[in-house]
PDB file of N, CA and C in Angstrom:
ATOM      1  N   MET A   1     -41.673  11.159 -34.042  1.00  0.00           N
ATOM      2  CA  MET A   1     -40.592   9.668 -33.122  1.00  0.00           C
ATOM      3  C   MET A   1     -39.483   9.292 -33.800  1.00  0.00           C
ATOM      4  N   LYS A   2     -39.151  10.040 -35.101  1.00  0.00           N
ATOM      5  CA  LYS A   2     -38.419  10.022 -35.687  1.00  0.00           C
ATOM      6  C   LYS A   2     -37.320  10.742 -35.566  1.00  0.00           C
ATOM      7  N   TRP A   3     -37.644  11.646 -35.586  1.00  0.00           N
ATOM      8  CA  TRP A   3     -36.738  12.801 -35.260  1.00  0.00           C
ATOM      9  C   TRP A   3     -36.416  13.100 -33.223  1.00  0.00           C
ATOM     10  N   LEU A   4     -37.095  12.232 -32.496  1.00  0.00           N
ATOM     11  CA  LEU A   4     -36.798  11.944 -31.030  1.00  0.00           C
ATOM     12  C   LEU A   4     -35.732  11.155 -31.640  1.00  0.00           C
ATOM     13  N   ALA A   5     -35.721   9.717 -32.237  1.00  0.00           N
ATOM     14  CA  ALA A   5     -34.950   8.808 -32.186  1.00  0.00           C
ATOM     15  C   ALA A   5     -33.673   9.305 -32.837  1.00  0.00           C
ATOM     16  N   GLY A   6     -33.224  10.160 -33.794  1.00  0.00           N
ATOM     17  CA  GLY A   6     -32.378  11.091 -34.597  1.00  0.00           C
ATOM     18  C   GLY A   6     -31.901  11.819 -33.510  1.00  0.00           C
ATOM     19  N   ALA A   7     -32.309  12.693 -32.915  1.00  0.00           N
ATOM     20  CA  ALA A   7     -31.751  13.603 -31.723  1.00  0.00           C
ATOM     21  C   ALA A   7     -31.237  13.140 -31.101  1.00  0.00           C
ATOM     22  N   LEU A   8     -31.788  11.556 -30.298  1.00  0.00           N
ATOM     23  CA  LEU A   8     -30.712  11.208 -29.339  1.00  0.00           C
ATOM     24  C   LEU A   8     -29.544  10.893 -29.700  1.00  0.00           C
ATOM     25  N   ILE A   9     -29.627  10.340 -31.397  1.00  0.00           N
ATOM     26  CA  ILE A   9     -28.461   9.483 -31.736  1.00  0.00           C
ATOM     27  C   ILE A   9     -27.619  10.354 -31.600  1.00  0.00           C
ATOM     28  N   VAL A  10     -27.786  11.583 -32.917  1.00  0.00           N
ATOM     29  CA  VAL A  10     -26.896  13.012 -32.419  1.00  0.00           C
ATOM     30  C   VAL A  10     -26.220  12.531 -30.939  1.00  0.00           C
ATOM     31  N   VAL A  11     -26.852  13.244 -30.002  1.00  0.00           N
ATOM     32  CA  VAL A  11     -26.634  13.191 -28.838  1.00  0.00           C
ATOM     33  C   VAL A  11     -25.326  12.685 -28.165  1.00  0.00           C
ATOM     34  N   THR A  12     -26.235  11.053 -28.225  1.00  0.00           N
ATOM     35  CA  THR A  12     -24.774  10.067 -27.930  1.00  0.00           C
ATOM     36  C   THR A  12     -24.057  10.375 -28.945  1.00  0.00           C
ATOM     37  N   VAL A  13     -23.742  10.796 -29.983  1.00  0.00           N
ATOM     38  CA  VAL A  13     -22.491  10.442 -30.734  1.00  0.00           C
ATOM     39  C   VAL A  13     -21.553  11.641 -30.428  1.00  0.00           C
ATOM     40  N   LEU A  14     -22.623  13.229 -29.766  1.00  0.00           N
ATOM     41  CA  LEU A  14     -22.096  14.086 -29.318  1.00  0.00           C
ATOM     42  C   LEU A  14     -21.376  13.785 -27.579  1.00  0.00           C
ATOM     43  N   LEU A  15     -21.702  12.939 -26.683  1.00  0.00           N
ATOM     44  CA  LEU A  15     -21.291  12.752 -26.104  1.00  0.00           C
ATOM     45  C   LEU A  15     -20.149  11.721 -25.861  1.00  0.00           C
ATOM     46  N   GLN A  16     -20.352  10.789 -26.646  1.00  0.00           N
ATOM     47  CA  GLN A  16     -19.157   9.645 -27.170  1.00  0.00           C
ATOM     48  C   GLN A  16     -17.805  10.478 -27.679  1.00  0.00           C
ATOM     49  N   TYR A  17     -17.917  11.410 -28.200  1.00  0.00           N
ATOM     50  CA  TYR A  17     -16.963  12.432 -29.230  1.00  0.00           C
ATOM     51  C   TYR A  17     -16.162  12.679 -28.156  1.00  0.00           C
ATOM     52  N   ARG A  18     -17.064  13.364 -26.815  1.00  0.00           N
ATOM     53  CA  ARG A  18     -16.469  14.933 -25.828  1.00  0.00           C
ATOM     54  C   ARG A  18     -15.311  13.232 -24.834  1.00  0.00           C
ATOM     55  N   LEU A  19     -16.669  12.177 -24.996  1.00  0.00           N
ATOM     56  CA  LEU A  19     -15.579  11.747 -23.848  1.00  0.00           C
ATOM     57  C   LEU A  19     -14.286  11.026 -24.050  1.00  0.00           C
ATOM     58  N   TRP A  20     -13.469  10.394 -26.011  1.00  0.00           N
ATOM     59  CA  TRP A  20     -12.961  10.206 -25.721  1.00  0.00           C
ATOM     60  C   TRP A  20     -11.793  10.819 -26.997  1.00  0.00           C
ATOM     61  N   VAL A  21     -12.482  11.601 -27.161  1.00  0.00           N
ATOM     62  CA  VAL A  21     -11.669  12.274 -28.048  1.00  0.00           C
ATOM     63  C   VAL A  21     -11.457  14.069 -27.872  1.00  0.00           C
ATOM     64  N   SER A  22     -12.284  14.673 -26.852  1.00  0.00           N
ATOM     65  CA  SER A  22     -11.505  16.016 -26.092  1.00  0.00           C
ATOM     66  C   SER A  22     -10.890  15.304 -25.433  1.00  0.00           C
ATOM     67  N   PRO A  23      -9.981  16.545 -24.868  1.00  0.00           N
ATOM     68  CA  PRO A  23      -9.082  17.022 -24.149  1.00  0.00           C
ATOM     69  C   PRO A  23      -9.087  16.494 -22.553  1.00  0.00           C
ATOM     70  N   ASP A  24     -10.437  16.739 -22.548  1.00  0.00           N
ATOM     71  CA  ASP A  24     -11.078  16.443 -20.682  1.00  0.00           C
ATOM     72  C   ASP A  24     -12.041  15.217 -20.503  1.00  0.00           C
ATOM     73  N   GLY A  25     -11.479  13.927 -22.094  1.00  0.00           N
ATOM     74  CA  GLY A  25     -11.647  12.963 -21.607  1.00  0.00           C
ATOM     75  C   GLY A  25     -10.903  12.279 -21.010  1.00  0.00           C
ATOM     76  N   ILE A  26     -10.957  10.619 -21.566  1.00  0.00           N
ATOM     77  CA  ILE A  26     -10.335   9.657 -21.340  1.00  0.00           C
ATOM     78  C   ILE A  26      -8.779  10.326 -20.497  1.00  0.00           C
ATOM     79  N   ARG A  27      -8.578  10.655 -22.046  1.00  0.00           N
ATOM     80  CA  ARG A  27      -6.292  11.554 -21.705  1.00  0.00           C
ATOM     81  C   ARG A  27      -6.211  11.617 -20.356  1.00  0.00           C
ATOM     82  N   GLU A  28      -7.451  12.749 -19.888  1.00  0.00           N
ATOM     83  CA  GLU A  28      -7.165  13.309 -18.932  1.00  0.00           C
ATOM     84  C   GLU A  28      -7.542  12.985 -17.793  1.00  0.00           C
ATOM     85  N   MET A  29      -8.193  11.686 -17.585  1.00  0.00           N
ATOM     86  CA  MET A  29      -8.609  10.932 -16.505  1.00  0.00           C
ATOM     87  C   MET A  29      -7.473   9.738 -16.466  1.00  0.00           C
ATOM     88  N   GLY A  30      -6.718   9.256 -16.847  1.00  0.00           N
ATOM     89  CA  GLY A  30      -5.282   8.521 -17.060  1.00  0.00           C
ATOM     90  C   GLY A  30      -4.693   9.727 -16.620  1.00  0.00           C
ATOM     91  N   ARG A  31      -4.410  10.936 -16.905  1.00  0.00           N
ATOM     92  CA  ARG A  31      -3.141  11.367 -16.414  1.00  0.00           C
ATOM     93  C   ARG A  31      -3.260  12.286 -14.732  1.00  0.00           C
ATOM     94  N   LEU A  32      -4.968  11.941 -14.980  1.00  0.00           N
ATOM     95  CA  LEU A  32      -5.266  12.517 -13.218  1.00  0.00           C
ATOM     96  C   LEU A  32      -4.876  11.278 -12.254  1.00  0.00           C
ATOM     97  N   GLU A  33      -4.928  10.450 -13.062  1.00  0.00           N
ATOM     98  CA  GLU A  33      -4.922   9.283 -11.980  1.00  0.00           C
ATOM     99  C   GLU A  33      -3.174   9.266 -11.976  1.00  0.00           C
ATOM    100  N   ALA A  34      -2.682   8.921 -12.577  1.00  0.00           N
ATOM    101  CA  ALA A  34      -1.378   8.996 -12.305  1.00  0.00           C
ATOM    102  C   ALA A  34      -0.573  10.003 -12.100  1.00  0.00           C
ATOM    103  N   GLY A  35      -1.368  11.089 -11.256  1.00  0.00           N
ATOM    104  CA  GLY A  35      -1.195  12.318 -10.930  1.00  0.00           C
ATOM    105  C   GLY A  35      -1.761  11.529  -8.967  1.00  0.00           C
ATOM    106  N   VAL A  36      -2.928  11.173  -9.077  1.00  0.00           N
ATOM    107  CA  VAL A  36      -2.626  10.605  -7.298  1.00  0.00           C
ATOM    108  C   VAL A  36      -2.074   9.242  -7.338  1.00  0.00           C
ATOM    109  N   ALA A  37      -1.808   8.548  -7.997  1.00  0.00           N
ATOM    110  CA  ALA A  37      -0.621   7.660  -7.467  1.00  0.00           C
ATOM    111  C   ALA A  37       0.454   8.193  -7.003  1.00  0.00           C
ATOM    112  N   ALA A  38       1.152   8.817  -8.147  1.00  0.00           N
ATOM    113  CA  ALA A  38       2.472   9.973  -7.486  1.00  0.00           C
ATOM    114  C   ALA A  38       2.371  10.617  -6.380  1.00  0.00           C
ATOM    115  N   GLN A  39       1.359  11.351  -5.936  1.00  0.00           N
ATOM    116  CA  GLN A  39       1.058  12.315  -5.288  1.00  0.00           C
ATOM    117  C   GLN A  39       0.724  11.174  -3.733  1.00  0.00           C
ATOM    118  N   ARG A  40       0.186   9.341  -3.312  1.00  0.00           N
ATOM    119  CA  ARG A  40      -0.002   8.408  -2.840  1.00  0.00           C
ATOM    120  C   ARG A  40       1.000   7.731  -2.694  1.00  0.00           C
ATOM    121  N   GLY A  41       2.154   7.873  -3.700  1.00  0.00           N
ATOM    122  CA  GLY A  41       3.655   7.233  -3.107  1.00  0.00           C
ATOM    123  C   GLY A  41       4.076   8.563  -2.330  1.00  0.00           C
ATOM    124  N   GLU A  42       4.040   9.773  -2.196  1.00  0.00           N
ATOM    125  CA  GLU A  42       4.672  10.991  -1.971  1.00  0.00           C
ATOM    126  C   GLU A  42       4.194  10.931  -0.640  1.00  0.00           C
ATOM    127  N   ASN A  43       3.163  10.611  -0.145  1.00  0.00           N
ATOM    128  CA  ASN A  43       2.140  10.817   0.799  1.00  0.00           C
ATOM    129  C   ASN A  43       2.958   9.441   1.929  1.00  0.00           C
ATOM    130  N   ALA A  44       3.244   8.935   1.393  1.00  0.00           N
ATOM    131  CA  ALA A  44       3.621   7.482   2.046  1.00  0.00           C
ATOM    132  C   ALA A  44       5.033   7.591   2.542  1.00  0.00           C
ATOM    133  N   VAL A  45       6.045   8.582   1.468  1.00  0.00           N
ATOM    134  CA  VAL A  45       7.417   8.892   2.230  1.00  0.00           C
ATOM    135  C   VAL A  45       7.475   8.957   3.052  1.00  0.00           C
ATOM    136  N   LEU A  46       6.496  10.513   2.839  1.00  0.00           N
ATOM    137  CA  LEU A  46       6.550  11.991   3.921  1.00  0.00           C
ATOM    138  C   LEU A  46       5.857  10.966   5.129  1.00  0.00           C
ATOM    139  N   ALA A  47       4.781   9.792   5.027  1.00  0.00           N
ATOM    140  CA  ALA A  47       4.460   9.580   6.762  1.00  0.00           C
ATOM    141  C   ALA A  47       5.633   8.781   7.907  1.00  0.00           C
ATOM    142  N   ALA A  48       5.885   8.094   6.835  1.00  0.00           N
ATOM    143  CA  ALA A  48       7.593   7.157   7.299  1.00  0.00           C
ATOM    144  C   ALA A  48       8.356   8.082   7.762  1.00  0.00           C
ATOM    145  N   ARG A  49       8.429   9.529   7.511  1.00  0.00           N
ATOM    146  CA  ARG A  49       9.059  10.473   7.605  1.00  0.00           C
ATOM    147  C   ARG A  49       8.679  10.860   9.148  1.00  0.00           C
ATOM    148  N   ASN A  50       7.344  11.591   9.344  1.00  0.00           N
ATOM    149  CA  ASN A  50       6.812  12.315   9.971  1.00  0.00           C
ATOM    150  C   ASN A  50       6.458  11.062  11.099  1.00  0.00           C
ATOM    151  N   ALA A  51       6.690   9.652  11.431  1.00  0.00           N
ATOM    152  CA  ALA A  51       6.262   8.999  12.227  1.00  0.00           C
ATOM    153  C   ALA A  51       7.953   8.855  13.039  1.00  0.00           C
ATOM    154  N   ARG A  52       8.824   9.226  12.373  1.00  0.00           N
ATOM    155  CA  ARG A  52      10.538   8.729  12.378  1.00  0.00           C
ATOM    156  C   ARG A  52      10.599   9.859  13.270  1.00  0.00           C
ATOM    157  N   LEU A  53      10.668  11.120  13.229  1.00  0.00           N
ATOM    158  CA  LEU A  53      10.192  11.782  13.786  1.00  0.00           C
ATOM    159  C   LEU A  53       9.862  12.218  15.196  1.00  0.00           C
ATOM    160  N   ALA A  54       8.196  12.054  14.866  1.00  0.00           N
ATOM    161  CA  ALA A  54       7.363  11.757  16.272  1.00  0.00           C
ATOM    162  C   ALA A  54       8.270  10.767  17.149  1.00  0.00           C
ATOM    163  N   ALA A  55       9.030   9.280  16.238  1.00  0.00           N
ATOM    164  CA  ALA A  55       9.219   8.379  17.071  1.00  0.00           C
ATOM    165  C   ALA A  55      11.114   9.287  18.410  1.00  0.00           C
ATOM    166  N   GLU A  56      11.225   9.625  17.582  1.00  0.00           N
ATOM    167  CA  GLU A  56      13.008  10.387  17.915  1.00  0.00           C
ATOM    168  C   GLU A  56      12.551  11.710  18.781  1.00  0.00           C
ATOM    169  N   VAL A  57      10.913  12.570  19.233  1.00  0.00           N
ATOM    170  CA  VAL A  57      10.529  13.199  19.470  1.00  0.00           C
ATOM    171  C   VAL A  57      10.262  13.175  20.914  1.00  0.00           C
ATOM    172  N   ARG A  58       9.477  12.059  20.756  1.00  0.00           N
ATOM    173  CA  ARG A  58       9.056  10.773  22.089  1.00  0.00           C
ATOM    174  C   ARG A  58      10.124  10.359  22.826  1.00  0.00           C
ATOM    175  N   ASP A  59      10.986  10.133  22.181  1.00  0.00           N
ATOM    176  CA  ASP A  59      12.651   8.699  22.986  1.00  0.00           C
ATOM    177  C   ASP A  59      13.178  10.314  23.417  1.00  0.00           C
ATOM    178  N   LEU A  60      13.150  11.891  23.069  1.00  0.00           N
ATOM    179  CA  LEU A  60      13.836  12.677  23.740  1.00  0.00           C
ATOM    180  C   LEU A  60      13.397  13.198  24.796  1.00  0.00           C
ATOM    181  N   LYS A  61      11.943  13.728  24.528  1.00  0.00           N
ATOM    182  CA  LYS A  61      10.893  13.284  25.799  1.00  0.00           C
ATOM    183  C   LYS A  61      11.025  12.910  26.981  1.00  0.00           C
ATOM    184  N   GLN A  62      11.388  11.444  27.030  1.00  0.00           N
ATOM    185  CA  GLN A  62      10.986   9.863  27.733  1.00  0.00           C
ATOM    186  C   GLN A  62      12.397  10.059  28.322  1.00  0.00           C
ATOM    187  N   GLY A  63      12.926   9.498  27.369  1.00  0.00           N
ATOM    188  CA  GLY A  63      14.437   8.512  27.390  1.00  0.00           C
ATOM    189  C   GLY A  63      15.776   9.566  27.591  1.00  0.00           C
ATOM    190  N   LEU A  64      16.300   8.998  28.517  1.00  0.00           N
ATOM    191  CA  LEU A  64      17.509   9.922  28.788  1.00  0.00           C
ATOM    192  C   LEU A  64      18.489   9.572  27.408  1.00  0.00           C
ATOM    193  N   THR A  65      18.367   8.460  27.515  1.00  0.00           N
ATOM    194  CA  THR A  65      19.448   8.333  26.609  1.00  0.00           C
ATOM    195  C   THR A  65      20.175   8.575  25.281  1.00  0.00           C
ATOM    196  N   ALA A  66      18.758   8.722  24.206  1.00  0.00           N
ATOM    197  CA  ALA A  66      18.770  10.247  23.195  1.00  0.00           C
ATOM    198  C   ALA A  66      19.577  11.375  23.574  1.00  0.00           C
ATOM    199  N   LEU A  67      18.519  11.465  24.170  1.00  0.00           N
ATOM    200  CA  LEU A  67      19.048  13.071  25.572  1.00  0.00           C
ATOM    201  C   LEU A  67      20.994  12.932  25.034  1.00  0.00           C
ATOM    202  N   GLU A  68      21.016  11.998  26.117  1.00  0.00           N
ATOM    203  CA  GLU A  68      22.716  12.041  26.230  1.00  0.00           C
ATOM    204  C   GLU A  68      22.934  11.607  24.982  1.00  0.00           C
ATOM    205  N   GLU A  69      23.020  10.963  24.253  1.00  0.00           N
ATOM    206  CA  GLU A  69      23.480  10.230  23.039  1.00  0.00           C
ATOM    207  C   GLU A  69      23.996  11.501  21.773  1.00  0.00           C
ATOM    208  N   ARG A  70      23.020  12.626  21.483  1.00  0.00           N
ATOM    209  CA  ARG A  70      22.688  13.852  21.022  1.00  0.00           C
ATOM    210  C   ARG A  70      23.795  14.446  21.449  1.00  0.00           C
ATOM    211  N   ALA A  71      23.904  14.469  22.840  1.00  0.00           N
ATOM    212  CA  ALA A  71      24.828  15.490  23.687  1.00  0.00           C
ATOM    213  C   ALA A  71      26.269  15.150  23.238  1.00  0.00           C
ATOM    214  N   ARG A  72      26.526  14.169  23.701  1.00  0.00           N
ATOM    215  CA  ARG A  72      28.007  13.967  23.144  1.00  0.00           C
ATOM    216  C   ARG A  72      28.389  13.638  21.973  1.00  0.00           C
ATOM    217  N   SER A  73      27.299  13.312  20.690  1.00  0.00           N
ATOM    218  CA  SER A  73      28.052  13.270  19.573  1.00  0.00           C
ATOM    219  C   SER A  73      27.611  15.003  18.850  1.00  0.00           C
ATOM    220  N   GLU A  74      26.901  15.624  18.791  1.00  0.00           N
ATOM    221  CA  GLU A  74      26.278  17.241  18.513  1.00  0.00           C
ATOM    222  C   GLU A  74      27.290  17.886  19.377  1.00  0.00           C
ATOM    223  N   LEU A  75      27.501  17.884  20.631  1.00  0.00           N
ATOM    224  CA  LEU A  75      27.848  18.940  21.416  1.00  0.00           C
ATOM    225  C   LEU A  75      29.297  18.675  21.890  1.00  0.00           C
ATOM    226  N   GLY A  76      29.505  17.383  21.829  1.00  0.00           N
ATOM    227  CA  GLY A  76      30.792  16.822  22.714  1.00  0.00           C
ATOM    228  C   GLY A  76      30.963  16.518  23.734  1.00  0.00           C
ATOM    229  N   MET A  77      29.439  16.612  24.547  1.00  0.00           N
ATOM    230  CA  MET A  77      30.204  16.831  25.812  1.00  0.00           C
ATOM    231  C   MET A  77      30.022  15.363  26.649  1.00  0.00           C
ATOM    232  N   VAL A  78      30.895  15.382  27.782  1.00  0.00           N
ATOM    233  CA  VAL A  78      31.652  14.330  29.155  1.00  0.00           C
ATOM    234  C   VAL A  78      31.101  14.229  29.437  1.00  0.00           C
ATOM    235  N   ALA A  79      30.611  13.287  30.316  1.00  0.00           N
ATOM    236  CA  ALA A  79      30.653  12.979  31.579  1.00  0.00           C
ATOM    237  C   ALA A  79      30.790  13.185  32.627  1.00  0.00           C
ATOM    238  N   PRO A  80      30.902  13.334  34.074  1.00  0.00           N
ATOM    239  CA  PRO A  80      31.615  13.158  34.846  1.00  0.00           C
ATOM    240  C   PRO A  80      32.609  12.103  34.908  1.00  0.00           C
ATOM    241  N   ARG A  81      34.214  12.060  35.105  1.00  0.00           N
ATOM    242  CA  ARG A  81      34.359  11.226  35.892  1.00  0.00           C
ATOM    243  C   ARG A  81      34.989  10.105  34.641  1.00  0.00           C
ATOM    244  N   GLU A  82      34.743  11.123  33.169  1.00  0.00           N
ATOM    245  CA  GLU A  82      34.938   9.789  31.955  1.00  0.00           C
ATOM    246  C   GLU A  82      35.811  10.839  30.898  1.00  0.00           C
ATOM    247  N   SER A  83      36.562  10.456  30.412  1.00  0.00           N
ATOM    248  CA  SER A  83      38.320  11.094  29.677  1.00  0.00           C
ATOM    249  C   SER A  83      37.773  10.993  28.207  1.00  0.00           C
ATOM    250  N   PHE A  84      38.031  12.189  27.999  1.00  0.00           N
ATOM    251  CA  PHE A  84      37.779  11.940  26.832  1.00  0.00           C
ATOM    252  C   PHE A  84      39.342  11.908  25.503  1.00  0.00           C
ATOM    253  N   TYR A  85      39.590  10.629  24.799  1.00  0.00           N
ATOM    254  CA  TYR A  85      40.731  10.734  24.352  1.00  0.00           C
ATOM    255  C   TYR A  85      40.332  10.442  22.810  1.00  0.00           C
ATOM    256  N   GLN A  86      40.856  11.586  21.918  1.00  0.00           N
ATOM    257  CA  GLN A  86      41.258  12.086  21.127  1.00  0.00           C
ATOM    258  C   GLN A  86      42.330  11.517  19.880  1.00  0.00           C
ATOM    259  N   VAL A  87      42.269  10.532  19.039  1.00  0.00           N
ATOM    260  CA  VAL A  87      43.396   9.900  18.832  1.00  0.00           C
ATOM    261  C   VAL A  87      43.133  10.741  16.939  1.00  0.00           C
ATOM    262  N   VAL A  88      44.503  11.404  17.088  1.00  0.00           N
ATOM    263  CA  VAL A  88      44.765  12.302  15.700  1.00  0.00           C
ATOM    264  C   VAL A  88      45.528  10.921  14.636  1.00  0.00           C
ATOM    265  N   PRO A  89      45.371  11.005  13.219  1.00  0.00           N
ATOM    266  CA  PRO A  89      46.299  10.061  12.926  1.00  0.00           C
ATOM    267  C   PRO A  89      47.547  10.475  12.347  1.00  0.00           C
ATOM    268  N   ARG A  90      48.771  10.220  12.194  1.00  0.00           N
ATOM    269  CA  ARG A  90      49.984  10.278  12.099  1.00  0.00           C
ATOM    270  C   ARG A  90      50.170  10.859  10.121  1.00  0.00           C
ATOM    271  N   PRO A  91      50.201  12.099  10.071  1.00  0.00           N
ATOM    272  CA  PRO A  91      50.048  12.424   8.552  1.00  0.00           C
ATOM    273  C   PRO A  91      50.947  12.141   7.776  1.00  0.00           C
ATOM    274  N   SER A  92      50.776  11.581   6.793  1.00  0.00           N
ATOM    275  CA  SER A  92      51.455  10.454   5.810  1.00  0.00           C
ATOM    276  C   SER A  92      51.915  11.240   4.655  1.00  0.00           C
ATOM    277  N   SER A  93      53.339  11.619   3.827  1.00  0.00           N
ATOM    278  CA  SER A  93      54.310  11.622   3.689  1.00  0.00           C
ATOM    279  C   SER A  93      53.068  12.078   2.306  1.00  0.00           C
ATOM    280  N   ALA A  94      54.220  13.232   1.073  1.00  0.00           N
ATOM    281  CA  ALA A  94      52.786  13.163   0.496  1.00  0.00           C
ATOM    282  C   ALA A  94      52.734  13.030  -1.279  1.00  0.00           C
ATOM    283  N   THR A  95      52.975  11.914  -0.779  1.00  0.00           N
ATOM    284  CA  THR A  95      53.232  10.715  -2.160  1.00  0.00           C
ATOM    285  C   THR A  95      51.819  10.020  -1.680  1.00  0.00           C
ATOM    286  N   GLY A  96      50.989  10.345  -0.548  1.00  0.00           N
ATOM    287  CA  GLY A  96      50.272   9.319   0.192  1.00  0.00           C
ATOM    288  C   GLY A  96      50.436   7.923   0.526  1.00  0.00           C
ATOM    289  N   GLU A  97      51.774   7.678   0.599  1.00  0.00           N
ATOM    290  CA  GLU A  97      52.282   6.243   0.837  1.00  0.00           C
ATOM    291  C   GLU A  97      52.561   6.260   2.839  1.00  0.00           C
ATOM    292  N   PRO A  98      51.683   5.384   3.338  1.00  0.00           N
ATOM    293  CA  PRO A  98      52.862   5.492   4.548  1.00  0.00           C
ATOM    294  C   PRO A  98      53.956   5.782   5.092  1.00  0.00           C
ATOM    295  N   ARG A  99      54.282   6.571   5.923  1.00  0.00           N
ATOM    296  CA  ARG A  99      55.340   6.983   6.440  1.00  0.00           C
ATOM    297  C   ARG A  99      56.289   5.545   6.966  1.00  0.00           C
ATOM    298  N   THR A 100      57.478   5.391   6.752  1.00  0.00           N
ATOM    299  CA  THR A 100      58.044   3.693   7.568  1.00  0.00           C
ATOM    300  C   THR A 100      59.311   4.355   7.658  1.00  0.00           C
ATOM    301  N   ARG A 101      59.875   3.729   8.428  1.00  0.00           N
ATOM    302  CA  ARG A 101      60.878   4.182   9.223  1.00  0.00           C
ATOM    303  C   ARG A 101      61.820   3.570   9.184  1.00  0.00           C
ATOM    304  N   THR A 102      63.088   4.100   9.146  1.00  0.00           N
ATOM    305  CA  THR A 102      64.332   3.245   8.192  1.00  0.00           C
ATOM    306  C   THR A 102      65.310   3.073   9.104  1.00  0.00           C
ATOM    307  N   ALA A 103      66.132   2.486   9.133  1.00  0.00           N
ATOM    308  CA  ALA A 103      66.861   1.550   9.843  1.00  0.00           C
ATOM    309  C   ALA A 103      68.385   2.162   9.545  1.00  0.00           C
ATOM    310  N   GLN A 104      68.436   2.525  11.084  1.00  0.00           N
ATOM    311  CA  GLN A 104      70.309   3.703  10.582  1.00  0.00           C
ATOM    312  C   GLN A 104      71.214   2.228  11.211  1.00  0.00           C
ATOM    313  N   ARG A 105      72.921   2.775  10.440  1.00  0.00           N
ATOM    314  CA  ARG A 105      73.961   1.405  11.293  1.00  0.00           C
ATOM    315  C   ARG A 105      74.731   2.072  11.379  1.00  0.00           C
TER     316      ARG A 105
END
């Protein structure tokens, strides 16, 4: 009976050693939990991006406002009976200072 108790103690010590000291023990579990937390954060960011894209697709399929906005901004389209004005700033001097008029006498 003493040999059975001794064998159980040896097995328990070996299992505890493997749990606490070996590379597959507690340290590995902590590393894996950190990896899972990082992956969950990345998944949340990607889920938010997917929701935005799905809303944009839904809006493009159903509403004409988003489609018109895209046509105007990306393709430069103008609706009928509209005038397009492009304002171009005056070029400044080589020093970067604004050009001023000088008074002539």
